[in-house]
Amino acid sequence: MTPTPTAATVPVSGQTPNCPNPNARITQPGDGARVSGVIQISGAAMVDNFDYYKFEFRPLGGEWSFIQSYDNAVLGGALGSWNTGTAAPGEYEFRLVVVDTIGNYPEPCVIRLIVQ
């Protein structure tokens, strides 16, 4: 009997990011991952007096560009997505900023992504 093929999940390459605050972290994709299309971002976004969190990106040494913000805290799991088609192929920094009700935020979690 021939086994039936099943769909496989291909992990996103890269290293686990070194984010200083465990409540403001990206767990996927990994630091240095090669990405294309719409990518899913996983991690945690929670601070005392939580207000919102946002994603931003920039070319290395460039200005940060806003992607999207979210109003619900995430203790661990899916944070959102990014359509990398909005960026030309190349190397970028991508960050998660978690903001409290008076505008303070811990050091953002920044990872390096290579858009293909």
Protein backbone atom coordinates (compact mmCIF):
# COMPACT_ATOMS: atom_id res chain seq x y z
CA MET A 1 0.00 0.00 0.00
CA THR A 2 1.33 3.45 -0.94
CA PRO A 3 1.16 6.05 1.85
CA THR A 4 -0.97 9.11 1.17
CA PRO A 5 1.13 12.28 1.04
CA THR A 6 0.30 14.91 3.64
CA ALA A 7 0.92 18.63 3.68
CA ALA A 8 4.02 19.65 5.57
CA THR A 9 4.61 22.88 7.39
CA VAL A 10 7.90 24.43 6.35
CA PRO A 11 9.47 26.27 9.29
CA VAL A 12 10.58 29.83 8.73
CA SER A 13 14.35 29.92 8.98
CA GLY A 14 16.22 32.22 11.30
CA GLN A 15 17.38 32.49 14.87
CA THR A 16 15.25 33.17 17.92
CA PRO A 17 15.26 36.94 18.44
CA ASN A 18 16.95 38.38 21.51
CA CYS A 19 14.15 40.59 22.77
CA PRO A 20 14.84 42.26 26.13
CA ASN A 21 11.25 42.08 27.44
CA PRO A 22 9.57 38.64 27.49
CA ASN A 23 6.17 40.35 27.28
CA ALA A 24 7.11 42.22 24.09
CA ARG A 25 8.67 39.56 21.90
CA ILE A 26 8.54 38.01 18.45
CA THR A 27 8.95 34.24 18.38
CA GLN A 28 8.25 33.74 14.65
CA PRO A 29 9.62 34.47 12.15
CA GLY A 30 13.13 34.05 13.46
CA ASP A 31 15.83 36.69 13.33
CA GLY A 32 17.48 36.63 9.90
CA ALA A 33 14.61 34.71 8.24
CA ARG A 34 14.09 34.92 4.49
CA VAL A 35 10.45 35.84 3.89
CA SER A 36 8.05 36.58 1.04
CA GLY A 37 4.34 37.13 0.62
CA VAL A 38 2.11 37.46 3.66
CA ILE A 39 3.95 36.28 6.77
CA GLN A 40 2.43 35.47 10.15
CA ILE A 41 4.00 37.09 13.23
CA SER A 42 3.85 35.22 16.54
CA GLY A 43 4.97 36.18 20.02
CA ALA A 44 3.66 38.19 22.97
CA ALA A 45 2.48 41.78 23.37
CA MET A 46 1.53 42.64 26.95
CA VAL A 47 2.57 45.36 29.37
CA ASP A 48 1.00 46.79 32.53
CA ASN A 49 -1.76 49.28 31.58
CA PHE A 50 -1.71 47.93 28.00
CA ASP A 51 -3.08 50.23 25.29
CA TYR A 52 -1.94 48.80 21.92
CA TYR A 53 0.94 47.29 19.99
CA LYS A 54 2.21 48.00 16.51
CA PHE A 55 4.49 46.62 13.81
CA GLU A 56 7.01 48.79 11.99
CA PHE A 57 9.78 48.11 9.48
CA ARG A 58 12.69 49.92 7.88
CA PRO A 59 15.55 49.29 5.52
CA LEU A 60 18.82 49.05 7.45
CA GLY A 61 19.69 52.55 8.66
CA GLY A 62 16.44 54.01 7.29
CA GLU A 63 13.33 55.51 8.86
CA TRP A 64 10.68 53.35 10.54
CA SER A 65 7.46 52.83 8.55
CA PHE A 66 4.21 51.94 10.30
CA ILE A 67 2.55 48.67 9.24
CA GLN A 68 -0.42 48.13 11.57
CA SER A 69 -1.56 48.45 15.19
CA TYR A 70 -3.66 46.13 17.34
CA ASP A 71 -5.80 46.87 20.41
CA ASN A 72 -5.81 43.48 22.16
CA ALA A 73 -2.98 42.21 24.34
CA VAL A 74 -1.51 38.80 23.42
CA LEU A 75 0.09 36.67 26.12
CA GLY A 76 1.49 34.27 23.54
CA GLY A 77 0.44 33.28 20.03
CA ALA A 78 -0.55 34.99 16.80
CA LEU A 79 0.16 38.74 16.79
CA GLY A 80 -0.76 39.55 13.20
CA SER A 81 0.64 39.46 9.70
CA TRP A 82 2.69 41.53 7.28
CA ASN A 83 2.37 41.58 3.51
CA THR A 84 6.05 41.77 2.56
CA GLY A 85 4.97 42.70 -0.97
CA THR A 86 4.84 46.29 0.33
CA ALA A 87 8.67 46.24 0.54
CA ALA A 88 11.25 45.88 -2.22
CA PRO A 89 13.50 42.80 -1.95
CA GLY A 90 16.29 43.37 0.54
CA GLU A 91 17.22 43.36 4.20
CA TYR A 92 14.97 45.05 6.76
CA GLU A 93 14.53 45.54 10.45
CA PHE A 94 11.06 44.65 11.72
CA ARG A 95 9.92 45.64 15.18
CA LEU A 96 7.15 45.12 17.69
CA VAL A 97 6.36 48.11 19.91
CA VAL A 98 4.00 47.53 22.89
CA VAL A 99 2.56 50.77 24.31
CA ASP A 100 0.81 51.48 27.62
CA THR A 101 -2.03 53.93 28.28
CA ILE A 102 0.28 56.90 28.90
CA GLY A 103 2.49 56.28 25.86
CA ASN A 104 5.39 54.47 27.53
CA TYR A 105 6.80 51.29 26.03
CA PRO A 106 9.57 48.84 26.87
CA GLU A 107 12.48 48.49 24.48
CA PRO A 108 10.96 47.22 21.21
CA CYS A 109 11.67 43.73 19.94
CA VAL A 110 13.62 44.12 16.68
CA ILE A 111 14.42 41.34 14.22
CA ARG A 112 16.19 41.36 10.87
CA LEU A 113 14.24 39.95 7.90
CA ILE A 114 15.35 39.36 4.32
CA VAL A 115 12.47 40.04 1.92
CA GLN A 116 12.77 38.02 -1.27
